[in-house]
Protein backbone atom coordinates (compact mmCIF):
# COMPACT_ATOMS: atom_id res chain seq x y z
CA MET A 1 -23.49 -4.17 -35.45
CA ALA A 2 -22.19 -0.98 -37.01
CA LEU A 3 -23.94 2.32 -37.30
CA VAL A 4 -22.74 2.69 -40.87
CA THR A 5 -25.01 -0.20 -41.87
CA ALA A 6 -27.97 1.93 -40.90
CA PHE A 7 -26.74 5.34 -41.99
CA GLY A 8 -24.40 4.79 -44.93
CA ALA A 9 -20.88 3.58 -45.44
CA THR A 10 -19.09 6.86 -46.11
CA ALA A 11 -19.19 10.50 -45.13
CA CYS A 12 -21.75 12.57 -47.00
CA GLY A 13 -19.28 15.32 -47.85
CA SER A 14 -21.59 18.29 -47.26
CA ASP A 15 -20.03 21.71 -46.91
CA GLY A 16 -19.91 23.80 -43.72
CA GLY A 17 -18.31 23.64 -40.30
CA SER A 18 -14.71 24.59 -39.63
CA GLY A 19 -13.27 23.33 -42.87
CA THR A 20 -14.36 19.75 -42.21
CA GLY A 21 -14.57 18.16 -45.63
CA GLU A 22 -15.54 14.85 -47.17
CA GLY A 23 -14.23 11.83 -45.32
CA GLU A 24 -13.48 13.73 -42.12
CA VAL A 25 -15.06 13.99 -38.71
CA GLU A 26 -14.13 16.72 -36.26
CA VAL A 27 -14.40 15.36 -32.71
CA PHE A 28 -14.73 18.18 -30.19
CA THR A 29 -13.56 17.34 -26.64
CA TRP A 30 -11.70 18.79 -23.66
CA TRP A 31 -9.26 15.86 -23.66
CA ALA A 32 -6.26 17.90 -24.68
CA GLN A 33 -3.47 16.64 -22.44
CA GLY A 34 -2.27 14.03 -19.95
CA SER A 35 -4.15 10.83 -19.23
CA GLU A 36 -7.31 12.19 -20.87
CA LYS A 37 -5.45 12.69 -24.14
CA GLU A 38 -4.05 9.17 -23.81
CA GLY A 39 -7.57 7.79 -23.57
CA LEU A 40 -8.68 9.79 -26.62
CA ASP A 41 -5.65 8.58 -28.58
CA ALA A 42 -6.52 4.97 -27.76
CA LEU A 43 -10.09 5.49 -28.97
CA VAL A 44 -8.88 7.17 -32.15
CA GLY A 45 -6.66 4.17 -32.83
CA VAL A 46 -9.70 1.88 -32.82
CA PHE A 47 -11.69 4.35 -34.94
CA GLU A 48 -8.95 4.40 -37.58
CA GLU A 49 -8.98 0.59 -37.69
CA GLN A 50 -12.77 0.33 -37.90
CA HIS A 51 -13.26 3.23 -40.34
CA SER A 52 -10.02 3.51 -42.30
CA ASP A 53 -11.71 5.57 -45.02
CA LEU A 54 -12.40 8.42 -42.61
CA LYS A 55 -10.04 11.01 -41.16
CA PHE A 56 -10.19 11.98 -37.48
CA VAL A 57 -9.86 15.73 -36.85
CA ASN A 58 -8.97 16.62 -33.27
CA GLY A 59 -11.05 19.57 -32.05
CA ALA A 60 -9.90 19.39 -28.42
CA VAL A 61 -9.94 22.55 -26.28
CA ALA A 62 -8.06 22.44 -22.97
CA GLY A 63 -9.71 23.54 -19.71
CA GLY A 64 -10.70 22.13 -16.33
CA ALA A 65 -13.73 19.84 -16.53
CA GLY A 66 -14.47 21.22 -19.99
CA SER A 67 -15.32 24.76 -18.91
CA ASP A 68 -13.29 26.43 -21.66
CA ALA A 69 -14.40 23.88 -24.24
CA LYS A 70 -18.06 24.42 -23.40
CA ASN A 71 -17.69 28.16 -23.92
CA VAL A 72 -16.09 27.65 -27.32
CA LEU A 73 -18.73 25.08 -28.24
CA ALA A 74 -21.57 27.40 -27.24
CA SER A 75 -20.20 30.07 -29.55
CA ARG A 76 -19.91 27.64 -32.44
CA LEU A 77 -23.41 26.29 -31.99
CA GLN A 78 -24.83 29.82 -31.84
CA THR A 79 -23.15 30.66 -35.16
CA ASN A 80 -24.31 27.42 -36.85
CA ASP A 81 -20.77 26.04 -36.94
CA PRO A 82 -21.14 22.68 -35.17
CA PRO A 83 -18.34 20.11 -35.07
CA GLY A 84 -18.98 16.60 -36.33
CA THR A 85 -19.62 15.46 -32.77
CA PHE A 86 -18.93 16.88 -29.35
CA GLN A 87 -18.20 15.46 -25.94
CA ALA A 88 -20.77 16.07 -23.22
CA HIS A 89 -21.61 14.41 -19.94
CA ALA A 90 -24.61 12.13 -20.31
CA GLY A 91 -27.65 13.18 -18.32
CA ALA A 92 -28.93 16.62 -17.32
CA GLU A 93 -25.98 18.45 -18.91
CA LEU A 94 -27.62 17.74 -22.27
CA THR A 95 -30.86 19.51 -21.27
CA ASP A 96 -29.84 22.92 -22.56
CA TYR A 97 -28.58 21.47 -25.86
CA ILE A 98 -31.85 19.56 -26.30
CA GLU A 99 -34.05 22.56 -25.56
CA GLN A 100 -32.01 24.73 -27.92
CA GLY A 101 -32.34 22.17 -30.71
CA ASP A 102 -28.58 21.63 -30.92
CA ILE A 103 -28.48 17.80 -30.95
CA GLU A 104 -30.35 14.98 -32.66
CA PRO A 105 -32.07 12.19 -30.72
CA LEU A 106 -30.35 8.81 -31.13
CA THR A 107 -33.13 6.59 -29.78
CA ASP A 108 -33.71 4.83 -33.12
CA ALA A 109 -30.00 4.05 -33.38
CA TYR A 110 -30.05 2.56 -29.87
CA SER A 111 -32.75 0.16 -31.02
CA GLU A 112 -31.33 -0.58 -34.47
CA GLU A 113 -27.77 -1.09 -33.23
CA GLY A 114 -28.73 -2.96 -30.09
CA TRP A 115 -27.11 -0.48 -27.70
CA ASP A 116 -30.12 -0.74 -25.43
CA GLN A 117 -29.00 -4.35 -24.94
CA LEU A 118 -25.26 -3.65 -24.72
CA PHE A 119 -25.47 -0.90 -22.09
CA PRO A 120 -26.64 -1.78 -18.55
CA GLU A 121 -30.19 -0.85 -17.60
CA SER A 122 -28.91 1.20 -14.66
CA LEU A 123 -26.96 3.37 -17.11
CA LEU A 124 -29.84 3.72 -19.57
CA GLU A 125 -32.06 4.96 -16.74
CA GLN A 126 -29.52 7.67 -15.91
CA ILE A 127 -29.08 9.01 -19.45
CA GLU A 128 -32.64 8.84 -20.79
CA GLN A 129 -34.32 12.24 -21.27
CA GLU A 130 -38.10 12.20 -21.67
CA GLY A 131 -38.05 8.86 -23.44
CA GLU A 132 -35.13 9.67 -25.74
CA TYR A 133 -31.39 9.04 -25.82
CA TYR A 134 -29.28 11.93 -27.07
CA SER A 135 -25.71 10.68 -26.69
CA VAL A 136 -23.58 7.56 -26.72
CA PRO A 137 -21.62 6.97 -23.48
CA SER A 138 -17.96 6.07 -23.87
CA ASN A 139 -17.44 5.14 -20.23
CA ILE A 140 -18.64 5.18 -16.66
CA HIS A 141 -16.74 7.24 -14.07
CA ARG A 142 -17.08 7.26 -10.29
CA ALA A 143 -16.85 10.66 -8.61
CA ASN A 144 -16.96 9.89 -4.86
CA VAL A 145 -13.40 8.62 -4.52
CA VAL A 146 -10.69 9.63 -2.04
CA TRP A 147 -7.10 9.15 -3.26
CA ALA A 148 -4.54 8.72 -0.51
CA ASN A 149 -0.76 8.54 -0.13
CA PRO A 150 0.07 5.88 2.52
CA ALA A 151 3.61 7.17 3.09
CA ALA A 152 2.35 10.69 3.82
CA LEU A 153 -0.23 9.30 6.23
CA GLU A 154 2.35 7.22 8.07
CA GLU A 155 4.62 10.27 8.31
CA ALA A 156 1.73 12.13 9.95
CA GLY A 157 1.08 9.28 12.37
CA VAL A 158 -2.20 8.30 10.72
CA ASP A 159 -3.13 4.69 9.96
CA PRO A 160 -3.14 4.37 6.14
CA ASN A 161 -5.66 1.53 6.46
CA ALA A 162 -8.08 3.51 8.63
CA GLU A 163 -11.77 3.28 7.75
CA TYR A 164 -14.00 6.30 8.31
CA ALA A 165 -17.67 5.87 9.08
CA ASP A 166 -18.48 9.52 8.44
CA LEU A 167 -17.00 12.92 7.69
CA ASP A 168 -16.41 13.77 11.35
CA ALA A 169 -14.18 10.72 11.79
CA TRP A 170 -12.20 11.70 8.70
CA ILE A 171 -11.87 15.32 9.84
CA ALA A 172 -10.26 14.12 13.09
CA ASP A 173 -7.42 12.60 11.08
CA LEU A 174 -7.18 15.63 8.80
CA GLU A 175 -6.43 17.67 11.91
CA ARG A 176 -3.57 15.32 12.82
CA ILE A 177 -2.14 15.53 9.32
CA GLU A 178 -2.23 19.33 9.39
CA GLU A 179 -0.38 19.34 12.70
CA ALA A 180 2.35 17.24 11.03
CA GLY A 181 2.92 19.94 8.42
CA ILE A 182 1.44 18.03 5.47
CA THR A 183 -1.44 19.34 3.38
CA PRO A 184 -4.37 17.20 4.52
CA LEU A 185 -6.55 17.58 1.42
CA SER A 186 -5.40 18.88 -1.95
CA ILE A 187 -7.85 20.63 -4.24
CA GLY A 188 -7.89 22.81 -7.33
CA MET A 189 -9.98 25.51 -8.97
CA ASP A 190 -13.72 26.11 -8.64
CA TRP A 191 -15.00 23.01 -10.43
CA THR A 192 -12.96 20.70 -8.19
CA GLN A 193 -14.46 22.49 -5.20
CA VAL A 194 -17.96 21.82 -6.56
CA HIS A 195 -16.86 18.20 -6.96
CA LEU A 196 -15.92 18.08 -3.28
CA LEU A 197 -19.22 19.74 -2.33
CA GLU A 198 -21.32 17.17 -4.14
CA THR A 199 -19.65 14.31 -2.27
CA VAL A 200 -20.19 16.09 1.05
CA LEU A 201 -23.88 16.59 0.22
CA LEU A 202 -24.13 12.89 -0.63
CA ALA A 203 -22.35 11.89 2.59
CA ASP A 204 -24.62 13.95 4.85
CA LEU A 205 -27.95 13.69 3.03
CA GLY A 206 -27.76 10.07 1.87
CA THR A 207 -28.93 8.76 -1.48
CA ASP A 208 -32.56 9.86 -1.26
CA GLY A 209 -31.76 13.25 0.24
CA TYR A 210 -29.09 13.94 -2.35
CA ASN A 211 -31.35 12.92 -5.24
CA GLY A 212 -34.04 15.16 -3.79
CA LEU A 213 -31.86 18.22 -4.30
CA TRP A 214 -32.42 17.88 -8.06
CA ASP A 215 -36.16 17.18 -8.09
CA GLY A 216 -37.25 19.54 -5.32
CA THR A 217 -38.04 16.98 -2.62
CA THR A 218 -35.05 18.03 -0.50
CA ASP A 219 -35.07 21.58 0.83
CA TRP A 220 -31.86 23.43 0.01
CA ALA A 221 -32.63 25.72 2.95
CA GLY A 222 -33.03 22.80 5.37
CA ALA A 223 -30.96 21.86 8.41
CA GLU A 224 -29.38 18.81 6.75
CA VAL A 225 -27.99 20.98 3.96
CA THR A 226 -26.71 23.44 6.57
CA GLU A 227 -24.79 20.62 8.26
CA ALA A 228 -23.34 19.53 4.93
CA LEU A 229 -22.22 23.06 4.08
CA GLU A 230 -20.58 23.38 7.48
CA HIS A 231 -18.70 20.13 6.82
CA TYR A 232 -17.71 21.50 3.42
CA GLU A 233 -16.40 24.68 5.03
CA THR A 234 -14.34 22.61 7.47
CA LEU A 235 -12.88 20.45 4.71
CA LEU A 236 -12.02 23.47 2.58
CA GLY A 237 -10.05 24.79 5.54
CA PHE A 238 -7.72 21.80 5.26
CA THR A 239 -6.85 22.43 1.62
CA ASN A 240 -3.89 24.11 -0.09
CA SER A 241 -3.94 27.90 -0.23
CA ASP A 242 -3.00 27.99 -3.93
CA ARG A 243 -6.08 26.04 -4.99
CA GLN A 244 -7.40 28.65 -7.42
CA SER A 245 -4.27 28.36 -9.56
CA LEU A 246 -4.45 24.57 -9.90
CA ASP A 247 -6.43 22.17 -12.07
CA TRP A 248 -7.17 18.58 -11.08
CA PRO A 249 -3.88 17.06 -12.37
CA ASP A 250 -1.93 19.50 -10.17
CA ALA A 251 -3.99 18.66 -7.09
CA THR A 252 -3.68 14.93 -7.78
CA GLN A 253 0.06 15.30 -8.28
CA GLN A 254 0.38 16.59 -4.72
CA VAL A 255 -0.89 13.22 -3.49
CA ILE A 256 1.35 11.36 -5.91
CA ASP A 257 4.35 13.34 -4.61
CA GLY A 258 3.33 12.96 -0.96
CA THR A 259 3.04 16.69 -0.24
CA ALA A 260 -0.68 16.12 0.36
CA ALA A 261 -2.30 13.15 2.07
CA PHE A 262 -5.73 13.04 0.40
CA ASN A 263 -7.54 14.27 -2.68
CA VAL A 264 -11.21 13.86 -3.64
CA MET A 265 -11.46 13.34 -7.37
CA GLY A 266 -13.14 11.14 -9.95
CA ASP A 267 -11.44 8.01 -11.11
CA TRP A 268 -9.83 9.63 -14.12
CA ALA A 269 -7.15 10.22 -11.47
CA GLU A 270 -6.37 6.50 -11.67
CA ALA A 271 -4.66 7.07 -15.01
CA ALA A 272 -2.48 9.80 -13.50
CA PHE A 273 -1.16 7.39 -10.87
CA ALA A 274 -0.74 4.55 -13.37
CA SER A 275 1.11 6.74 -15.88
CA GLN A 276 3.76 7.41 -13.21
CA ASP A 277 4.11 3.70 -12.40
CA LYS A 278 2.48 4.01 -8.98
CA ALA A 279 1.27 0.73 -7.52
CA PHE A 280 -2.29 0.51 -6.20
CA GLY A 281 -2.32 -0.56 -2.56
CA GLU A 282 1.32 0.45 -2.08
CA ASP A 283 2.03 3.91 -3.46
CA TYR A 284 -1.60 4.98 -3.27
CA THR A 285 -4.93 3.74 -1.98
CA THR A 286 -8.55 4.70 -2.54
CA PHE A 287 -11.82 4.58 -0.65
CA PRO A 288 -15.28 6.13 -1.05
CA VAL A 289 -15.67 9.59 0.47
CA PRO A 290 -16.57 8.92 4.13
CA GLY A 291 -20.31 8.58 4.48
CA THR A 292 -20.78 7.48 0.84
CA ASP A 293 -19.58 3.88 1.03
CA GLY A 294 -22.01 1.67 -0.85
CA VAL A 295 -23.08 4.43 -3.27
CA PHE A 296 -21.76 5.02 -6.79
CA ASP A 297 -21.65 8.73 -7.69
CA PHE A 298 -21.95 8.44 -11.45
CA LEU A 299 -21.00 10.34 -14.58
CA ALA A 300 -20.36 9.29 -18.14
CA ASP A 301 -18.49 11.00 -20.95
CA SER A 302 -20.55 10.71 -24.11
CA PHE A 303 -20.76 11.91 -27.70
CA THR A 304 -23.61 13.55 -29.56
CA LEU A 305 -24.87 14.04 -33.11
CA PRO A 306 -25.17 17.82 -33.55
CA VAL A 307 -27.96 19.26 -35.67
CA GLY A 308 -26.30 20.41 -38.89
CA ALA A 309 -23.16 18.30 -38.44
CA PRO A 310 -21.00 18.79 -41.58
CA ASN A 311 -20.74 15.06 -42.32
CA PRO A 312 -23.41 13.22 -40.32
CA ASP A 313 -22.48 9.77 -41.64
CA ALA A 314 -18.89 10.31 -40.53
CA SER A 315 -20.20 11.50 -37.14
CA ARG A 316 -22.27 8.33 -36.86
CA ALA A 317 -19.22 6.25 -37.70
CA TRP A 318 -17.46 7.86 -34.72
CA LEU A 319 -20.46 7.03 -32.51
CA ASP A 320 -20.24 3.46 -33.78
CA THR A 321 -16.65 3.21 -32.51
CA VAL A 322 -17.53 4.90 -29.22
CA ALA A 323 -20.26 2.33 -28.58
CA SER A 324 -18.19 -0.68 -29.63
CA ALA A 325 -16.64 -3.13 -27.21
CA ASP A 326 -13.19 -2.66 -28.77
CA GLY A 327 -13.41 1.12 -28.59
CA GLN A 328 -14.55 1.12 -24.98
CA GLN A 329 -11.98 -1.44 -23.92
CA ALA A 330 -9.09 0.61 -25.36
CA PHE A 331 -10.42 3.96 -24.15
CA ASN A 332 -11.24 2.96 -20.59
CA ALA A 333 -8.07 0.98 -20.03
CA ALA A 334 -6.16 4.20 -20.65
CA LYS A 335 -8.51 6.64 -18.91
CA GLY A 336 -9.13 4.87 -15.60
CA SER A 337 -12.89 4.55 -16.03
CA ILE A 338 -14.93 1.42 -16.80
CA PRO A 339 -16.75 0.53 -20.03
CA ALA A 340 -20.43 1.17 -20.54
CA ASN A 341 -20.56 -1.67 -23.07
CA LEU A 342 -21.18 -4.92 -21.21
CA GLU A 343 -19.31 -6.92 -23.86
CA ALA A 344 -16.00 -5.11 -23.37
CA ASP A 345 -13.27 -7.29 -21.91
CA THR A 346 -12.20 -5.88 -18.51
CA SER A 347 -10.19 -8.88 -17.31
CA GLU A 348 -6.91 -6.99 -17.72
CA PHE A 349 -8.11 -3.80 -16.07
CA GLY A 350 -6.30 -2.63 -12.94
CA GLU A 351 -7.19 -3.27 -9.30
CA TYR A 352 -8.89 0.07 -8.78
CA GLN A 353 -11.06 -0.36 -11.88
CA GLN A 354 -12.16 -3.78 -10.65
CA THR A 355 -13.50 -2.13 -7.48
CA ALA A 356 -15.46 0.35 -9.61
CA ILE A 357 -16.89 -2.45 -11.76
CA GLU A 358 -18.07 -4.26 -8.64
CA SER A 359 -19.59 -1.15 -7.08
CA PHE A 360 -21.43 -0.05 -10.23
CA ALA A 361 -22.96 -3.51 -10.56
CA GLN A 362 -24.33 -3.71 -7.02
CA ASP A 363 -24.60 -0.28 -5.36
CA PRO A 364 -27.24 2.47 -5.65
CA ILE A 365 -26.32 5.00 -8.32
CA VAL A 366 -26.63 8.79 -8.02
CA SER A 367 -25.82 11.46 -10.59
CA SER A 368 -22.83 13.78 -10.32
CA LEU A 369 -23.43 17.52 -9.98
CA ALA A 370 -20.00 18.76 -11.01
CA HIS A 371 -19.93 16.58 -14.11
CA GLY A 372 -23.26 17.22 -15.72
CA SER A 373 -25.41 14.27 -14.72
CA ALA A 374 -27.55 15.86 -11.98
CA ALA A 375 -28.18 19.43 -13.15
CA SER A 376 -28.31 21.48 -16.32
CA VAL A 377 -25.31 23.50 -17.49
CA SER A 378 -26.98 26.75 -16.41
CA TRP A 379 -27.80 25.43 -12.92
CA LEU A 380 -24.28 24.10 -12.47
CA THR A 381 -22.89 27.44 -13.62
CA ASP A 382 -24.90 29.23 -10.95
CA ILE A 383 -23.77 26.79 -8.23
CA THR A 384 -20.15 27.16 -9.32
CA SER A 385 -20.43 30.93 -9.05
CA SER A 386 -21.74 30.61 -5.48
CA ILE A 387 -18.93 28.22 -4.55
CA SER A 388 -16.36 30.59 -6.05
CA GLN A 389 -17.67 33.48 -3.95
CA PHE A 390 -17.70 31.32 -0.85
CA GLY A 391 -14.09 30.23 -1.43
CA SER A 392 -13.06 33.88 -1.52
CA GLY A 393 -14.24 34.50 2.02
CA GLY A 394 -17.97 33.89 2.15
CA ASP A 395 -20.00 32.43 5.00
CA VAL A 396 -22.21 29.34 5.18
CA ALA A 397 -25.45 31.25 5.71
CA SER A 398 -24.94 33.33 2.57
CA LEU A 399 -23.85 30.30 0.57
CA GLN A 400 -26.93 28.35 1.57
CA GLU A 401 -29.19 31.27 0.78
CA ASP A 402 -27.62 31.55 -2.68
CA LEU A 403 -27.92 27.82 -3.36
CA ALA A 404 -31.53 27.70 -2.20
CA SER A 405 -32.47 30.69 -4.35
CA THR A 406 -30.72 29.20 -7.35
CA ALA A 407 -32.47 25.87 -6.89
CA GLU A 408 -35.87 27.54 -6.61
CA GLY A 409 -35.32 29.33 -9.89
CA HIS A 410 -34.15 26.31 -11.84
CA LEU A 411 -36.73 23.90 -10.43
CA ALA A 412 -39.45 26.36 -11.43
CA ASP A 413 -38.31 26.41 -15.06
């Protein structure tokens, strides 16, 4: 099915926006370079085949995890200058946009186009907001992944096939790697540190405890969170000193080059390894963050229909391609993630992606903090600020106090 059958075959040609005219759709993302840009280009190729009468306008803004793009987007929405569609993580990240009246519900389209049948129930449960769907997921990413360089591990005298039951077991090997003069764990700027924190919280609190952080049933001031923050402090001590000047591709590159042994990052990193002809199982390996095996830490890139979009029919045509099996197959093959559409052909996907497909189908699913699934933009912003202060020389007690206070405020809203 195609969205244009329900909403019209061509763009409406209304005025407004940033010069977006008839027959055009401005797609606003943070996929401006590297493997992310390759994934976007693949999706655009399918869009141009499916909707040859429409012109794609690239509104990408570079910046780690979309931080810069979100700031630009916020300004545009406040001045009634929305793009045709914008990228956002499905889930709680959309809460602020919904409450501000920035995006249209797409629930009727889900029913009319059959997306509620094409997307897995486990995904629909994660992205539903008070009975409505507000975005179309283009993929499914896994966040709780460790990327490892076997050669660097062997050089440090560490078994590259070692399995770690928990964080303490992993930390013992990180100490050995540090003694060998290799960076044990590469990391980048603040958002990548929040990414690491969420996986540590999941490892120490378990699925139910981690989920409870976002609904108030887990006490942010409790002893289990203290233990997790202490583990986080220990892990941060094994990272590169120049972390604040790096984004995720730079931190991942250290593992690719063998100057670092491990990196915790989502599986968009898969495309970085593949683009440099690195062989899975030989040049690099992966495993769930110790303590999180058997859990899928989930996020999904998705696209919205902004209120006041210049050409809503053209926007809906883009959403049609995003939802389609062909669009998701092309996009995810390039980006390292897995399709949300169950009809997409994944038989040619790489070895890592096959492990993600298997895990998503059978393991419990939790929502990512750093990537917009677990908490609103404003809550995540507050957590990121606390993590930034901690990384500049803070202590665990102060960090926990800040996080508990922040949680109390947002849960009360």
